[in-house]
């Protein structure tokens, strides 16, 4: 019902994600990457066909521009399934990348995600976070002091558009206030 009311005019513009059989084969850390890459390639093609494009200053390649990207992040500092030292964290050539979770994260399946540089080109990035285990990441981003391997803290400052955090008091830290913070 909410979809019908809020997005009825945009339905024809939505990009469908069809995973099919690949969804079943991405759980193996050794062999699942190839299947995840196939899904990523199909999704990348769809995004390039349906979204407005910009030219990436570093690579010169065309990348899709999202109006808004909604992110959360894990207690290890990963976001959008871009884990510390993962394939996706270092992927500069693809629009859609793949990643396998770090040791502490579950489920252990290959994931398909937007590449970091695509997220950075979004017009607006909205980051939601709650919980004391996220405080170190939030404070690192806000102070521009990244401690440890936290991809979200390293790449949010590179965003071309605006970045807004919506945090609870625990994630924000010592002041105990919740609310909205902008970079």
N, C-alpha and C. Protein backbone atom coordinates (compact mmCIF):
# COMPACT_ATOMS: atom_id res chain seq x y z
N UNK A 1 0.82 -1.19 0.00
CA UNK A 1 0.00 0.00 0.00
C UNK A 1 0.87 1.26 0.00
N UNK A 2 1.88 1.32 0.88
CA UNK A 2 2.75 2.50 0.91
C UNK A 2 3.47 2.66 -0.42
N UNK A 3 3.93 1.54 -0.97
CA UNK A 3 4.60 1.58 -2.27
C UNK A 3 3.69 2.18 -3.32
N UNK A 4 2.45 1.69 -3.35
CA UNK A 4 1.48 2.18 -4.33
C UNK A 4 1.26 3.68 -4.19
N UNK A 5 1.12 4.16 -2.97
CA UNK A 5 0.83 5.58 -2.74
C UNK A 5 2.04 6.47 -3.01
N UNK A 6 3.19 6.06 -2.52
CA UNK A 6 4.36 6.93 -2.57
C UNK A 6 5.14 6.84 -3.87
N UNK A 7 5.15 5.69 -4.49
CA UNK A 7 6.02 5.49 -5.64
C UNK A 7 5.28 5.18 -6.94
N UNK A 8 3.98 5.38 -6.98
CA UNK A 8 3.22 4.98 -8.16
C UNK A 8 3.75 5.63 -9.44
N UNK A 9 4.16 6.88 -9.38
CA UNK A 9 4.66 7.55 -10.58
C UNK A 9 6.07 7.13 -10.96
N UNK A 10 6.77 6.51 -10.03
CA UNK A 10 8.16 6.13 -10.28
C UNK A 10 8.33 4.66 -10.65
N UNK A 11 7.26 3.91 -10.59
CA UNK A 11 7.34 2.46 -10.83
C UNK A 11 8.05 2.15 -12.14
N UNK A 12 7.72 2.88 -13.19
CA UNK A 12 8.32 2.58 -14.50
C UNK A 12 9.80 2.95 -14.54
N UNK A 13 10.28 3.72 -13.58
CA UNK A 13 11.68 4.12 -13.54
C UNK A 13 12.54 3.22 -12.66
N UNK A 14 11.91 2.35 -11.88
CA UNK A 14 12.66 1.49 -10.97
C UNK A 14 13.46 0.46 -11.74
N UNK A 15 14.65 0.16 -11.25
CA UNK A 15 15.51 -0.82 -11.89
C UNK A 15 15.34 -2.14 -11.15
N UNK A 16 14.80 -3.17 -11.84
CA UNK A 16 14.59 -4.44 -11.15
C UNK A 16 15.91 -5.17 -10.92
N UNK A 17 15.99 -5.86 -9.81
CA UNK A 17 17.16 -6.68 -9.51
C UNK A 17 16.70 -8.13 -9.58
N UNK A 18 17.24 -8.88 -10.53
CA UNK A 18 16.86 -10.27 -10.71
C UNK A 18 18.08 -11.13 -10.39
N UNK A 19 18.01 -11.85 -9.29
CA UNK A 19 19.16 -12.64 -8.86
C UNK A 19 19.16 -14.05 -9.43
N UNK A 20 18.00 -14.66 -9.50
CA UNK A 20 17.90 -16.00 -10.08
C UNK A 20 18.73 -17.03 -9.36
N UNK A 21 19.31 -17.94 -10.16
CA UNK A 21 20.06 -19.07 -9.61
C UNK A 21 21.34 -18.66 -8.89
N UNK A 22 21.90 -17.54 -9.25
CA UNK A 22 23.16 -17.11 -8.63
C UNK A 22 23.02 -16.93 -7.13
N UNK A 23 21.82 -16.63 -6.69
CA UNK A 23 21.58 -16.40 -5.27
C UNK A 23 21.96 -17.63 -4.44
N UNK A 24 21.79 -18.80 -4.99
CA UNK A 24 22.05 -20.04 -4.27
C UNK A 24 23.54 -20.38 -4.20
N UNK A 25 24.36 -19.83 -5.08
CA UNK A 25 25.74 -20.29 -5.18
C UNK A 25 26.77 -19.32 -4.63
N UNK A 26 26.35 -18.28 -3.97
CA UNK A 26 27.31 -17.28 -3.52
C UNK A 26 27.78 -17.47 -2.08
N UNK A 27 27.40 -18.58 -1.46
CA UNK A 27 27.78 -18.79 -0.07
C UNK A 27 29.18 -19.36 0.11
N UNK A 28 29.77 -19.90 -0.93
CA UNK A 28 31.10 -20.49 -0.83
C UNK A 28 32.16 -19.40 -1.03
N UNK A 29 33.03 -19.18 -0.02
CA UNK A 29 34.02 -18.11 -0.16
C UNK A 29 35.00 -18.34 -1.30
N UNK A 30 35.20 -19.58 -1.71
CA UNK A 30 36.15 -19.88 -2.78
C UNK A 30 35.53 -19.77 -4.17
N UNK A 31 34.34 -20.32 -4.34
CA UNK A 31 33.74 -20.38 -5.68
C UNK A 31 32.60 -19.39 -5.88
N UNK A 32 32.10 -18.81 -4.84
CA UNK A 32 30.95 -17.92 -4.94
C UNK A 32 31.23 -16.59 -5.61
N UNK A 33 32.49 -16.16 -5.62
CA UNK A 33 32.82 -14.86 -6.19
C UNK A 33 32.44 -14.77 -7.67
N UNK A 34 32.68 -15.81 -8.43
CA UNK A 34 32.37 -15.78 -9.87
C UNK A 34 30.87 -15.58 -10.10
N UNK A 35 30.05 -16.27 -9.33
CA UNK A 35 28.59 -16.11 -9.49
C UNK A 35 28.14 -14.73 -9.04
N UNK A 36 28.72 -14.24 -7.96
CA UNK A 36 28.37 -12.89 -7.49
C UNK A 36 28.75 -11.86 -8.54
N UNK A 37 29.88 -12.04 -9.20
CA UNK A 37 30.32 -11.11 -10.24
C UNK A 37 29.36 -11.10 -11.43
N UNK A 38 28.81 -12.26 -11.76
CA UNK A 38 27.82 -12.32 -12.86
C UNK A 38 26.60 -11.47 -12.52
N UNK A 39 26.12 -11.60 -11.30
CA UNK A 39 24.97 -10.80 -10.85
C UNK A 39 25.34 -9.32 -10.88
N UNK A 40 26.53 -9.00 -10.41
CA UNK A 40 26.99 -7.60 -10.38
C UNK A 40 27.04 -7.01 -11.78
N UNK A 41 27.51 -7.78 -12.75
CA UNK A 41 27.60 -7.29 -14.13
C UNK A 41 26.22 -6.98 -14.71
N UNK A 42 25.25 -7.84 -14.44
CA UNK A 42 23.89 -7.62 -14.93
C UNK A 42 23.31 -6.36 -14.29
N UNK A 43 23.48 -6.22 -12.99
CA UNK A 43 22.95 -5.05 -12.28
C UNK A 43 23.64 -3.77 -12.75
N UNK A 44 24.94 -3.84 -12.94
CA UNK A 44 25.69 -2.67 -13.42
C UNK A 44 25.16 -2.20 -14.77
N UNK A 45 24.92 -3.14 -15.66
CA UNK A 45 24.39 -2.81 -16.99
C UNK A 45 23.03 -2.10 -16.86
N UNK A 46 22.18 -2.61 -15.99
CA UNK A 46 20.87 -2.00 -15.78
C UNK A 46 20.99 -0.58 -15.24
N UNK A 47 21.87 -0.38 -14.28
CA UNK A 47 22.05 0.96 -13.71
C UNK A 47 22.56 1.94 -14.76
N UNK A 48 23.50 1.50 -15.58
CA UNK A 48 24.05 2.38 -16.61
C UNK A 48 23.02 2.73 -17.68
N UNK A 49 22.07 1.85 -17.89
CA UNK A 49 21.02 2.10 -18.88
C UNK A 49 19.91 3.00 -18.35
N UNK A 50 19.64 2.95 -17.05
CA UNK A 50 18.46 3.61 -16.50
C UNK A 50 18.70 4.89 -15.70
N UNK A 51 19.91 5.12 -15.25
CA UNK A 51 20.17 6.29 -14.40
C UNK A 51 20.98 7.35 -15.15
N UNK A 52 20.86 8.61 -14.71
CA UNK A 52 21.70 9.65 -15.31
C UNK A 52 23.17 9.35 -15.01
N UNK A 53 24.04 9.76 -15.92
CA UNK A 53 25.46 9.42 -15.79
C UNK A 53 26.31 10.66 -15.58
N UNK A 54 27.41 10.46 -14.87
CA UNK A 54 28.43 11.49 -14.68
C UNK A 54 29.76 10.87 -15.08
N UNK A 55 30.75 11.71 -15.30
CA UNK A 55 32.08 11.21 -15.62
C UNK A 55 32.93 11.26 -14.36
N UNK A 56 33.50 10.12 -14.00
CA UNK A 56 34.36 10.04 -12.83
C UNK A 56 35.67 10.76 -13.15
N UNK A 57 36.05 11.71 -12.31
CA UNK A 57 37.24 12.53 -12.54
C UNK A 57 38.53 11.71 -12.56
N UNK A 58 38.61 10.68 -11.74
CA UNK A 58 39.84 9.89 -11.67
C UNK A 58 39.99 8.94 -12.85
N UNK A 59 38.92 8.22 -13.17
CA UNK A 59 39.03 7.18 -14.20
C UNK A 59 38.55 7.64 -15.57
N UNK A 60 37.72 8.68 -15.61
CA UNK A 60 37.15 9.12 -16.88
C UNK A 60 35.98 8.28 -17.34
N UNK A 61 35.61 7.28 -16.56
CA UNK A 61 34.51 6.39 -16.95
C UNK A 61 33.17 6.98 -16.53
N UNK A 62 32.11 6.50 -17.18
CA UNK A 62 30.76 6.94 -16.87
C UNK A 62 30.24 6.15 -15.67
N UNK A 63 29.63 6.85 -14.73
CA UNK A 63 29.04 6.18 -13.57
C UNK A 63 27.64 6.74 -13.33
N UNK A 64 26.74 5.90 -12.81
CA UNK A 64 25.38 6.38 -12.54
C UNK A 64 25.36 7.31 -11.33
N UNK A 65 24.44 8.27 -11.37
CA UNK A 65 24.30 9.21 -10.26
C UNK A 65 22.95 8.96 -9.59
N UNK A 66 22.99 8.57 -8.33
CA UNK A 66 21.79 8.34 -7.53
C UNK A 66 21.37 9.65 -6.87
N UNK A 67 20.07 9.87 -6.76
CA UNK A 67 19.58 11.03 -6.02
C UNK A 67 19.89 10.87 -4.54
N UNK A 68 19.68 9.66 -4.02
CA UNK A 68 19.94 9.41 -2.61
C UNK A 68 20.41 7.97 -2.43
N UNK A 69 21.37 7.79 -1.55
CA UNK A 69 21.83 6.46 -1.15
C UNK A 69 21.63 6.38 0.35
N UNK A 70 20.92 5.37 0.80
CA UNK A 70 20.64 5.15 2.21
C UNK A 70 21.58 4.06 2.72
N UNK A 71 22.36 4.39 3.75
CA UNK A 71 23.34 3.46 4.30
C UNK A 71 23.17 3.29 5.80
N UNK A 72 23.56 2.14 6.27
CA UNK A 72 23.80 1.89 7.68
C UNK A 72 25.25 1.46 7.74
N UNK A 73 25.73 1.04 8.89
CA UNK A 73 27.07 0.46 8.93
C UNK A 73 27.21 -0.47 10.11
N UNK A 74 28.15 -1.39 9.98
CA UNK A 74 28.37 -2.39 11.00
C UNK A 74 29.35 -1.92 12.07
N UNK A 75 29.44 -2.70 13.12
CA UNK A 75 30.33 -2.35 14.23
C UNK A 75 31.80 -2.41 13.84
N UNK A 76 32.11 -3.04 12.71
CA UNK A 76 33.49 -3.06 12.21
C UNK A 76 33.78 -1.89 11.28
N UNK A 77 32.77 -1.04 11.06
CA UNK A 77 32.96 0.13 10.20
C UNK A 77 32.63 -0.11 8.74
N UNK A 78 32.11 -1.28 8.40
CA UNK A 78 31.75 -1.51 7.00
C UNK A 78 30.41 -0.86 6.69
N UNK A 79 30.21 -0.53 5.45
CA UNK A 79 28.93 -0.02 4.99
C UNK A 79 28.71 -0.55 3.58
N UNK A 80 27.46 -0.71 3.20
CA UNK A 80 27.11 -1.17 1.85
C UNK A 80 27.84 -2.47 1.49
N UNK A 81 28.08 -3.32 2.46
CA UNK A 81 28.83 -4.56 2.27
C UNK A 81 30.25 -4.31 1.76
N UNK A 82 30.78 -3.12 2.01
CA UNK A 82 32.18 -2.82 1.70
C UNK A 82 32.95 -3.02 3.00
N UNK A 83 33.56 -4.19 3.12
CA UNK A 83 34.24 -4.59 4.35
C UNK A 83 35.70 -4.16 4.33
N UNK A 84 36.32 -4.03 5.50
CA UNK A 84 37.74 -3.69 5.55
C UNK A 84 38.57 -4.66 4.72
N UNK A 85 39.41 -4.12 3.86
CA UNK A 85 40.32 -4.89 3.00
C UNK A 85 39.62 -5.88 2.07
N UNK A 86 38.40 -5.58 1.69
CA UNK A 86 37.67 -6.46 0.77
C UNK A 86 37.91 -6.06 -0.68
N UNK A 87 37.48 -6.92 -1.59
CA UNK A 87 37.54 -6.63 -3.02
C UNK A 87 36.84 -5.30 -3.30
N UNK A 88 35.66 -5.12 -2.73
CA UNK A 88 34.85 -3.92 -3.00
C UNK A 88 35.50 -2.64 -2.48
N UNK A 89 36.24 -2.73 -1.39
CA UNK A 89 36.86 -1.53 -0.84
C UNK A 89 37.89 -0.93 -1.80
N UNK A 90 38.51 -1.77 -2.59
CA UNK A 90 39.58 -1.31 -3.49
C UNK A 90 39.16 -1.28 -4.96
N UNK A 91 37.90 -1.55 -5.25
CA UNK A 91 37.41 -1.62 -6.63
C UNK A 91 37.15 -0.22 -7.17
N UNK A 92 37.95 0.22 -8.12
CA UNK A 92 37.80 1.54 -8.72
C UNK A 92 37.22 1.48 -10.14
N UNK A 93 37.15 0.27 -10.72
CA UNK A 93 36.75 0.21 -12.13
C UNK A 93 35.29 -0.19 -12.35
N UNK A 94 34.68 -0.85 -11.41
CA UNK A 94 33.30 -1.31 -11.59
C UNK A 94 32.31 -0.36 -10.93
N UNK A 95 31.10 -0.33 -11.47
CA UNK A 95 30.00 0.41 -10.87
C UNK A 95 29.40 -0.41 -9.73
N UNK A 96 29.28 -1.71 -9.97
CA UNK A 96 28.76 -2.64 -8.97
C UNK A 96 29.87 -3.63 -8.67
N UNK A 97 30.15 -3.84 -7.40
CA UNK A 97 31.26 -4.69 -7.00
C UNK A 97 30.75 -5.86 -6.16
N UNK A 98 31.67 -6.69 -5.72
CA UNK A 98 31.34 -7.83 -4.86
C UNK A 98 32.22 -7.79 -3.62
N UNK A 99 31.74 -8.43 -2.57
CA UNK A 99 32.48 -8.42 -1.32
C UNK A 99 32.11 -9.63 -0.48
N UNK A 100 33.08 -10.13 0.27
CA UNK A 100 32.83 -11.21 1.22
C UNK A 100 33.02 -10.62 2.62
N UNK A 101 32.14 -10.95 3.56
CA UNK A 101 32.19 -10.33 4.89
C UNK A 101 33.49 -10.56 5.64
N UNK A 102 33.81 -9.59 6.49
CA UNK A 102 34.96 -9.75 7.38
C UNK A 102 34.63 -10.83 8.40
N UNK A 103 35.62 -11.23 9.13
CA UNK A 103 35.51 -12.37 10.05
C UNK A 103 34.37 -12.28 11.05
N UNK A 104 34.04 -11.08 11.52
CA UNK A 104 33.02 -10.94 12.56
C UNK A 104 31.60 -10.79 12.02
N UNK A 105 31.45 -10.61 10.73
CA UNK A 105 30.12 -10.33 10.16
C UNK A 105 29.46 -11.58 9.59
N UNK A 106 28.15 -11.61 9.67
CA UNK A 106 27.35 -12.71 9.13
C UNK A 106 26.20 -12.10 8.34
N UNK A 107 25.63 -12.82 7.40
CA UNK A 107 25.95 -14.17 6.95
C UNK A 107 27.19 -14.18 6.06
N UNK A 108 27.82 -15.33 6.03
CA UNK A 108 29.03 -15.51 5.22
C UNK A 108 28.63 -15.85 3.79
N UNK A 109 28.27 -14.85 3.05
CA UNK A 109 27.91 -15.01 1.64
C UNK A 109 28.54 -13.87 0.85
N UNK A 110 28.85 -14.14 -0.40
CA UNK A 110 29.31 -13.07 -1.28
C UNK A 110 28.18 -12.09 -1.46
N UNK A 111 28.50 -10.81 -1.45
CA UNK A 111 27.48 -9.77 -1.56
C UNK A 111 27.75 -8.90 -2.78
N UNK A 112 26.68 -8.39 -3.34
CA UNK A 112 26.75 -7.49 -4.48
C UNK A 112 26.44 -6.09 -3.95
N UNK A 113 27.26 -5.11 -4.30
CA UNK A 113 27.12 -3.77 -3.74
C UNK A 113 27.53 -2.69 -4.74
N UNK A 114 27.05 -1.49 -4.52
CA UNK A 114 27.54 -0.36 -5.29
C UNK A 114 29.00 -0.14 -4.92
N UNK A 115 29.81 0.22 -5.90
CA UNK A 115 31.21 0.53 -5.63
C UNK A 115 31.31 1.85 -4.87
N UNK A 116 32.38 1.99 -4.13
CA UNK A 116 32.60 3.17 -3.29
C UNK A 116 32.49 4.47 -4.09
N UNK A 117 33.12 4.53 -5.25
CA UNK A 117 33.11 5.78 -6.02
C UNK A 117 31.72 6.12 -6.56
N UNK A 118 30.86 5.12 -6.72
CA UNK A 118 29.48 5.38 -7.14
C UNK A 118 28.70 6.01 -5.98
N UNK A 119 28.87 5.45 -4.80
CA UNK A 119 28.23 6.03 -3.61
C UNK A 119 28.70 7.48 -3.43
N UNK A 120 29.98 7.71 -3.64
CA UNK A 120 30.52 9.06 -3.47
C UNK A 120 29.95 10.07 -4.46
N UNK A 121 29.43 9.62 -5.59
CA UNK A 121 28.85 10.53 -6.58
C UNK A 121 27.35 10.76 -6.38
N UNK A 122 26.75 10.14 -5.38
CA UNK A 122 25.32 10.35 -5.12
C UNK A 122 25.08 11.81 -4.74
N UNK A 123 23.89 12.30 -5.07
CA UNK A 123 23.55 13.69 -4.72
C UNK A 123 23.42 13.85 -3.21
N UNK A 124 22.96 12.79 -2.55
CA UNK A 124 22.82 12.84 -1.09
C UNK A 124 23.03 11.43 -0.53
N UNK A 125 23.79 11.33 0.53
CA UNK A 125 24.00 10.07 1.24
C UNK A 125 23.42 10.25 2.65
N UNK A 126 22.52 9.36 3.01
CA UNK A 126 21.89 9.38 4.32
C UNK A 126 22.38 8.16 5.09
N UNK A 127 22.99 8.39 6.25
CA UNK A 127 23.57 7.31 7.04
C UNK A 127 22.81 7.19 8.36
N UNK A 128 22.25 6.01 8.61
CA UNK A 128 21.52 5.74 9.85
C UNK A 128 22.39 4.87 10.74
N UNK A 129 22.43 5.19 12.04
CA UNK A 129 23.22 4.37 12.96
C UNK A 129 22.63 4.44 14.35
N UNK A 130 22.66 3.30 15.02
CA UNK A 130 22.26 3.27 16.42
C UNK A 130 23.12 2.24 17.15
N UNK A 131 23.36 2.49 18.41
CA UNK A 131 24.11 1.55 19.23
C UNK A 131 25.50 2.04 19.59
N UNK A 132 25.90 1.73 20.80
CA UNK A 132 27.20 2.12 21.34
C UNK A 132 28.36 1.56 20.52
N UNK A 133 28.17 0.39 19.91
CA UNK A 133 29.25 -0.23 19.14
C UNK A 133 29.59 0.54 17.87
N UNK A 134 28.78 1.54 17.50
CA UNK A 134 29.03 2.35 16.31
C UNK A 134 29.69 3.69 16.66
N UNK A 135 29.76 4.02 17.94
CA UNK A 135 30.26 5.34 18.35
C UNK A 135 31.66 5.62 17.82
N UNK A 136 32.57 4.66 17.90
CA UNK A 136 33.94 4.89 17.45
C UNK A 136 34.00 5.27 15.98
N UNK A 137 33.11 4.68 15.18
CA UNK A 137 33.09 5.00 13.75
C UNK A 137 32.54 6.40 13.54
N UNK A 138 31.42 6.71 14.18
CA UNK A 138 30.80 8.03 14.04
C UNK A 138 31.78 9.12 14.46
N UNK A 139 32.41 8.96 15.61
CA UNK A 139 33.35 9.98 16.08
C UNK A 139 34.55 10.12 15.15
N UNK A 140 35.01 9.01 14.59
CA UNK A 140 36.11 9.06 13.63
C UNK A 140 35.75 9.85 12.39
N UNK A 141 34.52 9.68 11.91
CA UNK A 141 34.07 10.43 10.74
C UNK A 141 33.93 11.90 11.08
N UNK A 142 33.27 12.21 12.18
CA UNK A 142 33.01 13.60 12.53
C UNK A 142 34.29 14.38 12.85
N UNK A 143 35.27 13.70 13.43
CA UNK A 143 36.53 14.37 13.78
C UNK A 143 37.58 14.25 12.68
N UNK A 144 37.25 13.49 11.64
CA UNK A 144 38.18 13.21 10.55
C UNK A 144 39.44 12.53 11.08
N UNK A 145 39.25 11.64 12.04
CA UNK A 145 40.33 10.86 12.63
C UNK A 145 39.95 9.39 12.54
N UNK A 146 40.37 8.76 11.48
CA UNK A 146 39.98 7.37 11.27
C UNK A 146 40.93 6.45 12.01
N UNK A 147 40.37 5.66 12.92
CA UNK A 147 41.16 4.67 13.65
C UNK A 147 40.77 3.29 13.14
N UNK A 148 41.75 2.51 12.74
CA UNK A 148 41.47 1.16 12.31
C UNK A 148 40.85 1.10 10.92
N UNK A 149 40.49 -0.10 10.53
CA UNK A 149 40.00 -0.34 9.17
C UNK A 149 38.50 -0.10 9.03
N UNK A 150 38.08 1.12 8.95
CA UNK A 150 36.65 1.43 8.84
C UNK A 150 36.36 2.10 7.50
N UNK A 151 35.97 1.33 6.48
CA UNK A 151 35.72 1.90 5.16
C UNK A 151 34.75 3.08 5.16
N UNK A 152 33.70 3.01 5.97
CA UNK A 152 32.72 4.10 5.96
C UNK A 152 33.37 5.41 6.39
N UNK A 153 34.25 5.37 7.37
CA UNK A 153 34.91 6.58 7.84
C UNK A 153 35.87 7.13 6.80
N UNK A 154 36.50 6.26 6.03
CA UNK A 154 37.47 6.72 5.04
C UNK A 154 36.81 7.32 3.81
N UNK A 155 35.67 6.80 3.39
CA UNK A 155 35.18 7.31 2.11
C UNK A 155 34.02 8.28 2.17
N UNK A 156 33.38 8.47 3.30
CA UNK A 156 32.28 9.42 3.34
C UNK A 156 32.73 10.86 3.11
N UNK A 157 33.94 11.20 3.54
CA UNK A 157 34.43 12.56 3.31
C UNK A 157 34.70 12.82 1.83
N UNK A 158 34.78 11.79 1.03
CA UNK A 158 34.99 11.96 -0.41
C UNK A 158 33.70 12.11 -1.20
N UNK A 159 32.57 12.17 -0.52
CA UNK A 159 31.29 12.27 -1.23
C UNK A 159 31.15 13.64 -1.89
N UNK A 160 30.64 13.63 -3.12
CA UNK A 160 30.44 14.87 -3.88
C UNK A 160 29.20 15.63 -3.41
N UNK A 161 28.17 14.90 -3.02
CA UNK A 161 26.93 15.52 -2.54
C UNK A 161 26.94 15.67 -1.04
N UNK A 162 25.79 15.91 -0.48
CA UNK A 162 25.70 16.08 0.98
C UNK A 162 25.64 14.72 1.67
N UNK A 163 26.12 14.69 2.89
CA UNK A 163 26.07 13.49 3.73
C UNK A 163 25.38 13.87 5.03
N UNK A 164 24.34 13.12 5.38
CA UNK A 164 23.60 13.38 6.61
C UNK A 164 23.59 12.12 7.46
N UNK A 165 23.90 12.27 8.74
CA UNK A 165 23.82 11.17 9.70
C UNK A 165 22.55 11.34 10.52
N UNK A 166 21.83 10.26 10.72
CA UNK A 166 20.74 10.22 11.69
C UNK A 166 21.15 9.18 12.71
N UNK A 167 21.39 9.63 13.94
CA UNK A 167 22.01 8.80 14.98
C UNK A 167 21.17 8.77 16.24
N UNK A 168 21.27 7.66 16.97
CA UNK A 168 20.71 7.68 18.32
C UNK A 168 21.81 8.17 19.27
N UNK A 169 21.45 8.37 20.54
CA UNK A 169 22.40 8.90 21.51
C UNK A 169 23.61 8.02 21.71
N UNK A 170 23.43 6.71 21.67
CA UNK A 170 24.56 5.80 21.87
C UNK A 170 25.56 5.89 20.73
N UNK A 171 25.08 5.95 19.51
CA UNK A 171 25.98 6.04 18.36
C UNK A 171 26.70 7.38 18.31
N UNK A 172 26.00 8.44 18.73
CA UNK A 172 26.61 9.77 18.71
C UNK A 172 27.71 9.90 19.75
N UNK A 173 27.49 9.30 20.92
CA UNK A 173 28.57 9.29 21.89
C UNK A 173 28.34 10.11 23.14
N UNK A 174 29.40 10.71 23.62
CA UNK A 174 29.46 11.28 24.96
C UNK A 174 28.37 12.31 25.28
N UNK A 175 27.88 13.05 24.32
CA UNK A 175 26.85 14.03 24.64
C UNK A 175 25.52 13.36 24.92
N UNK A 176 25.36 12.12 24.40
CA UNK A 176 24.12 11.40 24.63
C UNK A 176 22.95 11.93 23.85
N UNK A 177 23.19 12.88 22.95
CA UNK A 177 22.11 13.44 22.15
C UNK A 177 21.89 12.59 20.91
N UNK A 178 20.66 12.54 20.47
CA UNK A 178 20.38 11.91 19.19
C UNK A 178 19.96 13.00 18.24
N UNK A 179 19.92 12.68 16.99
CA UNK A 179 19.48 13.66 16.02
C UNK A 179 20.19 13.54 14.71
N UNK A 180 20.26 14.67 14.01
CA UNK A 180 20.81 14.69 12.66
C UNK A 180 22.13 15.46 12.67
N UNK A 181 23.13 14.92 12.02
CA UNK A 181 24.43 15.57 11.89
C UNK A 181 24.81 15.56 10.42
N UNK A 182 25.30 16.67 9.91
CA UNK A 182 25.73 16.75 8.51
C UNK A 182 27.23 16.94 8.44
N UNK A 183 27.85 16.32 7.43
CA UNK A 183 29.28 16.52 7.19
C UNK A 183 29.48 17.80 6.44
